[in-house]
């Protein structure tokens, strides 16, 4: 049960951080595009990091459900 709790917290926090980082990178890529700079790879990285963060958050939810089921079985 402790392992599920650690995975839930780690993936949840990591997912939130990656999602925020992806959005920040997107803003920087957008600013680069507006000013005529090199934006393609930064935009691609922002999309990748943002989607990875969403995947981590959804996987975190699976660990939370497993944790709740384990607690229910222990009662």
N, C-alpha and C. Protein backbone atom coordinates (compact mmCIF):
# COMPACT_ATOMS: atom_id res chain seq x y z
N UNK A 1 0.82 -1.19 0.00
CA UNK A 1 0.00 0.00 0.00
C UNK A 1 0.87 1.26 0.00
N UNK A 2 2.00 1.19 0.67
CA UNK A 2 2.90 2.34 0.71
C UNK A 2 3.46 2.66 -0.68
N UNK A 3 3.75 1.60 -1.45
CA UNK A 3 4.28 1.80 -2.81
C UNK A 3 3.27 2.54 -3.68
N UNK A 4 2.00 2.16 -3.59
CA UNK A 4 0.96 2.83 -4.38
C UNK A 4 0.83 4.30 -3.99
N UNK A 5 0.96 4.59 -2.70
CA UNK A 5 0.86 5.97 -2.24
C UNK A 5 2.03 6.81 -2.77
N UNK A 6 3.23 6.24 -2.74
CA UNK A 6 4.41 6.96 -3.24
C UNK A 6 4.28 7.20 -4.75
N UNK A 7 3.85 6.18 -5.49
CA UNK A 7 3.65 6.34 -6.93
C UNK A 7 2.57 7.36 -7.24
N UNK A 8 1.48 7.34 -6.46
CA UNK A 8 0.40 8.29 -6.67
C UNK A 8 0.89 9.72 -6.49
N UNK A 9 1.60 9.97 -5.40
CA UNK A 9 2.10 11.32 -5.14
C UNK A 9 3.17 11.75 -6.13
N UNK A 10 4.10 10.86 -6.43
CA UNK A 10 5.19 11.20 -7.34
C UNK A 10 4.68 11.50 -8.75
N UNK A 11 3.82 10.63 -9.25
CA UNK A 11 3.31 10.84 -10.61
C UNK A 11 2.35 12.02 -10.67
N UNK A 12 1.59 12.25 -9.62
CA UNK A 12 0.68 13.38 -9.61
C UNK A 12 1.43 14.70 -9.61
N UNK A 13 2.42 14.82 -8.74
CA UNK A 13 3.20 16.06 -8.68
C UNK A 13 4.04 16.23 -9.94
N UNK A 14 4.65 15.15 -10.40
CA UNK A 14 5.43 15.22 -11.63
C UNK A 14 4.58 15.60 -12.83
N UNK A 15 3.36 15.08 -12.88
CA UNK A 15 2.45 15.42 -13.96
C UNK A 15 2.07 16.88 -13.97
N UNK A 16 1.80 17.42 -12.78
CA UNK A 16 1.48 18.84 -12.69
C UNK A 16 2.66 19.71 -13.10
N UNK A 17 3.85 19.33 -12.68
CA UNK A 17 5.05 20.10 -13.04
C UNK A 17 5.31 20.05 -14.55
N UNK A 18 5.18 18.86 -15.13
CA UNK A 18 5.41 18.73 -16.58
C UNK A 18 4.36 19.46 -17.39
N UNK A 19 3.12 19.43 -16.93
CA UNK A 19 2.07 20.15 -17.64
C UNK A 19 2.34 21.65 -17.62
N UNK A 20 2.70 22.16 -16.47
CA UNK A 20 3.04 23.58 -16.37
C UNK A 20 4.25 23.96 -17.19
N UNK A 21 5.26 23.10 -17.18
CA UNK A 21 6.45 23.35 -17.99
C UNK A 21 6.12 23.34 -19.48
N UNK A 22 5.27 22.41 -19.89
CA UNK A 22 4.87 22.34 -21.30
C UNK A 22 4.14 23.60 -21.74
N UNK A 23 3.28 24.11 -20.87
CA UNK A 23 2.56 25.35 -21.21
C UNK A 23 3.52 26.54 -21.25
N UNK A 24 4.49 26.57 -20.36
CA UNK A 24 5.48 27.65 -20.38
C UNK A 24 6.33 27.60 -21.65
N UNK A 25 6.73 26.39 -22.04
CA UNK A 25 7.49 26.24 -23.27
C UNK A 25 6.66 26.66 -24.49
N UNK A 26 5.37 26.35 -24.44
CA UNK A 26 4.50 26.76 -25.53
C UNK A 26 4.44 28.28 -25.65
N UNK A 27 4.34 28.95 -24.51
CA UNK A 27 4.33 30.41 -24.52
C UNK A 27 5.61 30.98 -25.08
N UNK A 28 6.73 30.36 -24.73
CA UNK A 28 8.02 30.82 -25.28
C UNK A 28 8.10 30.56 -26.78
N UNK A 29 7.62 29.40 -27.23
CA UNK A 29 7.63 29.10 -28.67
C UNK A 29 6.73 30.07 -29.43
N UNK A 30 5.61 30.42 -28.83
CA UNK A 30 4.71 31.38 -29.46
C UNK A 30 5.37 32.75 -29.57
N UNK A 31 6.06 33.16 -28.52
CA UNK A 31 6.77 34.44 -28.56
C UNK A 31 7.87 34.42 -29.62
N UNK A 32 8.57 33.29 -29.74
CA UNK A 32 9.61 33.16 -30.76
C UNK A 32 9.02 33.24 -32.17
N UNK A 33 7.86 32.63 -32.34
CA UNK A 33 7.22 32.65 -33.66
C UNK A 33 6.79 34.07 -34.03
N UNK A 34 6.25 34.78 -33.07
CA UNK A 34 5.79 36.15 -33.33
C UNK A 34 6.95 37.06 -33.69
N UNK A 35 8.09 36.89 -33.02
CA UNK A 35 9.25 37.74 -33.28
C UNK A 35 10.08 37.25 -34.46
N UNK A 36 9.71 36.12 -35.04
CA UNK A 36 10.44 35.62 -36.20
C UNK A 36 11.62 34.73 -35.86
N UNK A 37 11.68 34.24 -34.64
CA UNK A 37 12.80 33.39 -34.23
C UNK A 37 12.56 31.93 -34.58
N UNK A 38 13.44 31.08 -34.08
CA UNK A 38 13.33 29.64 -34.29
C UNK A 38 12.39 29.08 -33.24
N UNK A 39 11.25 28.62 -33.67
CA UNK A 39 10.21 28.19 -32.74
C UNK A 39 9.82 26.73 -32.89
N UNK A 40 10.15 26.08 -33.99
CA UNK A 40 9.62 24.76 -34.28
C UNK A 40 9.99 23.72 -33.23
N UNK A 41 11.27 23.60 -32.93
CA UNK A 41 11.69 22.57 -31.97
C UNK A 41 11.22 22.86 -30.56
N UNK A 42 11.16 24.12 -30.21
CA UNK A 42 10.64 24.49 -28.89
C UNK A 42 9.15 24.17 -28.79
N UNK A 43 8.42 24.42 -29.86
CA UNK A 43 7.00 24.08 -29.88
C UNK A 43 6.78 22.57 -29.82
N UNK A 44 7.63 21.83 -30.51
CA UNK A 44 7.53 20.36 -30.47
C UNK A 44 7.83 19.84 -29.07
N UNK A 45 8.86 20.40 -28.45
CA UNK A 45 9.19 20.00 -27.08
C UNK A 45 8.06 20.35 -26.12
N UNK A 46 7.43 21.51 -26.32
CA UNK A 46 6.33 21.90 -25.43
C UNK A 46 5.16 20.93 -25.54
N UNK A 47 4.84 20.52 -26.76
CA UNK A 47 3.76 19.56 -26.96
C UNK A 47 4.09 18.22 -26.30
N UNK A 48 5.32 17.78 -26.44
CA UNK A 48 5.74 16.51 -25.85
C UNK A 48 5.69 16.55 -24.33
N UNK A 49 6.23 17.60 -23.74
CA UNK A 49 6.26 17.71 -22.27
C UNK A 49 4.85 17.86 -21.72
N UNK A 50 4.02 18.64 -22.38
CA UNK A 50 2.64 18.83 -21.93
C UNK A 50 1.87 17.50 -21.95
N UNK A 51 1.97 16.76 -23.05
CA UNK A 51 1.27 15.47 -23.15
C UNK A 51 1.82 14.45 -22.15
N UNK A 52 3.13 14.47 -21.91
CA UNK A 52 3.72 13.58 -20.91
C UNK A 52 3.16 13.90 -19.53
N UNK A 53 3.01 15.19 -19.23
CA UNK A 53 2.44 15.58 -17.94
C UNK A 53 1.01 15.11 -17.78
N UNK A 54 0.22 15.20 -18.85
CA UNK A 54 -1.15 14.71 -18.78
C UNK A 54 -1.18 13.20 -18.56
N UNK A 55 -0.31 12.49 -19.24
CA UNK A 55 -0.24 11.03 -19.06
C UNK A 55 0.13 10.66 -17.63
N UNK A 56 1.08 11.39 -17.06
CA UNK A 56 1.46 11.13 -15.67
C UNK A 56 0.30 11.39 -14.71
N UNK A 57 -0.45 12.45 -14.95
CA UNK A 57 -1.58 12.75 -14.06
C UNK A 57 -2.66 11.68 -14.16
N UNK A 58 -2.95 11.22 -15.38
CA UNK A 58 -3.95 10.16 -15.53
C UNK A 58 -3.48 8.85 -14.91
N UNK A 59 -2.20 8.54 -15.04
CA UNK A 59 -1.66 7.33 -14.42
C UNK A 59 -1.67 7.46 -12.91
N UNK A 60 -1.45 8.66 -12.42
CA UNK A 60 -1.53 8.91 -10.98
C UNK A 60 -2.92 8.59 -10.45
N UNK A 61 -3.92 8.92 -11.24
CA UNK A 61 -5.29 8.63 -10.82
C UNK A 61 -5.52 7.13 -10.70
N UNK A 62 -4.92 6.34 -11.58
CA UNK A 62 -5.03 4.88 -11.48
C UNK A 62 -4.43 4.37 -10.17
N UNK A 63 -3.30 4.94 -9.77
CA UNK A 63 -2.68 4.53 -8.50
C UNK A 63 -3.55 4.95 -7.32
N UNK A 64 -4.20 6.09 -7.42
CA UNK A 64 -5.09 6.53 -6.36
C UNK A 64 -6.27 5.56 -6.22
N UNK A 65 -6.83 5.12 -7.34
CA UNK A 65 -7.94 4.17 -7.28
C UNK A 65 -7.50 2.84 -6.69
N UNK A 66 -6.30 2.38 -7.06
CA UNK A 66 -5.78 1.14 -6.46
C UNK A 66 -5.59 1.30 -4.97
N UNK A 67 -5.09 2.45 -4.54
CA UNK A 67 -4.88 2.71 -3.13
C UNK A 67 -6.21 2.69 -2.38
N UNK A 68 -7.24 3.31 -2.95
CA UNK A 68 -8.55 3.30 -2.31
C UNK A 68 -9.13 1.88 -2.24
N UNK A 69 -8.93 1.08 -3.28
CA UNK A 69 -9.41 -0.30 -3.26
C UNK A 69 -8.67 -1.12 -2.22
N UNK A 70 -7.37 -0.90 -2.07
CA UNK A 70 -6.61 -1.63 -1.05
C UNK A 70 -7.07 -1.25 0.35
N UNK A 71 -7.36 0.02 0.56
CA UNK A 71 -7.87 0.44 1.87
C UNK A 71 -9.23 -0.17 2.15
N UNK A 72 -10.07 -0.25 1.13
CA UNK A 72 -11.39 -0.83 1.30
C UNK A 72 -11.29 -2.32 1.62
N UNK A 73 -10.33 -3.03 1.02
CA UNK A 73 -10.17 -4.46 1.28
C UNK A 73 -9.61 -4.72 2.68
N UNK A 74 -8.81 -3.77 3.21
CA UNK A 74 -8.24 -3.95 4.55
C UNK A 74 -9.29 -3.78 5.66
N UNK A 75 -10.37 -3.09 5.36
CA UNK A 75 -11.37 -2.83 6.41
C UNK A 75 -12.22 -4.02 6.66
